[in-house]
C-alpha atoms as a PDB file:
ATOM      1  CA  MET A   1     -22.644  14.323  20.954  1.00  0.00           C
ATOM      2  CA  SER A   2     -22.187  14.537  17.198  1.00  0.00           C
ATOM      3  CA  SER A   3     -24.267  12.713  14.606  1.00  0.00           C
ATOM      4  CA  LYS A   4     -21.917   9.708  14.822  1.00  0.00           C
ATOM      5  CA  SER A   5     -23.269   6.490  16.235  1.00  0.00           C
ATOM      6  CA  THR A   6     -22.334   5.671  19.802  1.00  0.00           C
ATOM      7  CA  GLN A   7     -20.197   2.752  18.621  1.00  0.00           C
ATOM      8  CA  GLU A   8     -18.212   4.966  16.267  1.00  0.00           C
ATOM      9  CA  TYR A   9     -17.667   7.437  19.061  1.00  0.00           C
ATOM     10  CA  LEU A  10     -16.489   4.781  21.510  1.00  0.00           C
ATOM     11  CA  ASN A  11     -14.136   3.278  18.950  1.00  0.00           C
ATOM     12  CA  GLU A  12     -12.183   6.469  18.541  1.00  0.00           C
ATOM     13  CA  GLU A  13      -8.823   6.214  20.254  1.00  0.00           C
ATOM     14  CA  GLU A  14      -8.921   9.899  21.086  1.00  0.00           C
ATOM     15  CA  TRP A  15     -11.975   9.423  23.297  1.00  0.00           C
ATOM     16  CA  TRP A  16     -10.199   6.713  25.261  1.00  0.00           C
ATOM     17  CA  ARG A  17      -7.142   8.915  25.757  1.00  0.00           C
ATOM     18  CA  GLU A  18      -9.304  11.871  26.805  1.00  0.00           C
ATOM     19  CA  GLU A  19     -10.903   9.666  29.440  1.00  0.00           C
ATOM     20  CA  GLY A  20      -7.474   8.607  30.699  1.00  0.00           C
ATOM     21  CA  TYR A  21      -7.556   5.077  29.318  1.00  0.00           C
ATOM     22  CA  ALA A  22      -4.500   4.935  27.069  1.00  0.00           C
ATOM     23  CA  ARG A  23      -4.322   1.134  27.357  1.00  0.00           C
ATOM     24  CA  PRO A  24      -6.907  -1.547  28.175  1.00  0.00           C
ATOM     25  CA  GLU A  25      -5.077  -2.183  31.461  1.00  0.00           C
ATOM     26  CA  ASP A  26      -5.891   1.405  32.490  1.00  0.00           C
ATOM     27  CA  VAL A  27      -9.655   0.826  32.477  1.00  0.00           C
ATOM     28  CA  PRO A  28     -10.776   0.352  36.080  1.00  0.00           C
ATOM     29  CA  VAL A  29     -12.525  -2.916  36.943  1.00  0.00           C
ATOM     30  CA  PRO A  30     -14.882  -2.794  39.927  1.00  0.00           C
ATOM     31  CA  ASP A  31     -14.221  -5.291  42.723  1.00  0.00           C
ATOM     32  CA  TRP A  32     -17.643  -6.863  42.254  1.00  0.00           C
ATOM     33  CA  HIS A  33     -16.739  -7.689  38.630  1.00  0.00           C
ATOM     34  CA  LEU A  34     -13.586  -9.411  39.841  1.00  0.00           C
ATOM     35  CA  ALA A  35     -15.577 -11.338  42.449  1.00  0.00           C
ATOM     36  CA  ILE A  36     -17.985 -12.645  39.807  1.00  0.00           C
ATOM     37  CA  LEU A  37     -15.091 -13.672  37.566  1.00  0.00           C
ATOM     38  CA  GLU A  38     -13.437 -15.496  40.446  1.00  0.00           C
ATOM     39  CA  GLU A  39     -16.674 -17.387  41.211  1.00  0.00           C
ATOM     40  CA  ARG A  40     -16.997 -18.440  37.593  1.00  0.00           C
ATOM     41  CA  MET A  41     -13.355 -19.472  37.346  1.00  0.00           C
ATOM     42  CA  GLU A  42     -13.791 -21.619  40.454  1.00  0.00           C
ATOM     43  CA  CYS A  43     -16.646 -23.463  38.742  1.00  0.00           C
ATOM     44  CA  TYR A  44     -14.393 -24.219  35.779  1.00  0.00           C
ATOM     45  CA  ARG A  45     -11.513 -25.355  37.995  1.00  0.00           C
ATOM     46  CA  ASN A  46     -13.754 -28.039  39.498  1.00  0.00           C
ATOM     47  CA  ASP A  47     -15.497 -29.045  36.268  1.00  0.00           C
ATOM     48  CA  ASP A  48     -14.866 -32.290  34.410  1.00  0.00           C
ATOM     49  CA  THR A  49     -13.372 -30.987  31.163  1.00  0.00           C
ATOM     50  CA  SER A  50     -13.785 -34.353  29.462  1.00  0.00           C
ATOM     51  CA  THR A  51     -17.476 -33.485  28.991  1.00  0.00           C
ATOM     52  CA  TRP A  52     -16.712 -30.187  27.234  1.00  0.00           C
ATOM     53  CA  ARG A  53     -17.163 -29.869  23.493  1.00  0.00           C
ATOM     54  CA  THR A  54     -14.981 -27.942  21.094  1.00  0.00           C
ATOM     55  CA  TRP A  55     -16.242 -25.001  19.086  1.00  0.00           C
ATOM     56  CA  ASP A  56     -15.855 -27.114  15.923  1.00  0.00           C
ATOM     57  CA  GLU A  57     -18.166 -29.776  17.363  1.00  0.00           C
ATOM     58  CA  ILE A  58     -20.766 -27.226  18.398  1.00  0.00           C
ATOM     59  CA  ARG A  59     -20.601 -25.416  15.053  1.00  0.00           C
ATOM     60  CA  GLU A  60     -20.911 -28.678  13.132  1.00  0.00           C
ATOM     61  CA  GLU A  61     -23.938 -29.755  15.158  1.00  0.00           C
ATOM     62  CA  SER A  62     -25.574 -26.346  14.763  1.00  0.00           C
ATOM     63  CA  MET A  63     -25.034 -26.310  11.015  1.00  0.00           C
ATOM     64  CA  ARG A  64     -26.455 -29.831  10.726  1.00  0.00           C
ATOM     65  CA  GLU A  65     -29.567 -28.774  12.666  1.00  0.00           C
ATOM     66  CA  ILE A  66     -29.986 -25.662  10.522  1.00  0.00           C
ATOM     67  CA  MET A  67     -29.689 -27.652   7.309  1.00  0.00           C
ATOM     68  CA  GLU A  68     -32.190 -30.258   8.531  1.00  0.00           C
ATOM     69  CA  GLU A  69     -34.659 -27.533   9.472  1.00  0.00           C
ATOM     70  CA  MET A  70     -34.243 -25.823   6.096  1.00  0.00           C
ATOM     71  CA  LYS A  71     -34.902 -29.125   4.308  1.00  0.00           C
ATOM     72  CA  ARG A  72     -37.946 -29.771   6.488  1.00  0.00           C
ATOM     73  CA  ARG A  73     -39.403 -26.335   5.742  1.00  0.00           C
ATOM     74  CA  SER A  74     -38.842 -26.637   2.009  1.00  0.00           C
ATOM     75  CA  LYS A  75     -41.031 -29.770   1.753  1.00  0.00           C
END
């Protein structure tokens, strides 16, 4: 491999085409991956979504906690 980082190498479209993956749909997904996804989706289907929080709520709470900790440490 060249001196490029692995990420740079993987990002190159040419590499994907050389490997036969012209589109994301062409990348093979093992059956066991699909089985895990199905198990997880089943959990969500049966979950009470009224208890879920939005990303905005989580971000706001996290930022509040960070700010409180920063204030506490600066004392």
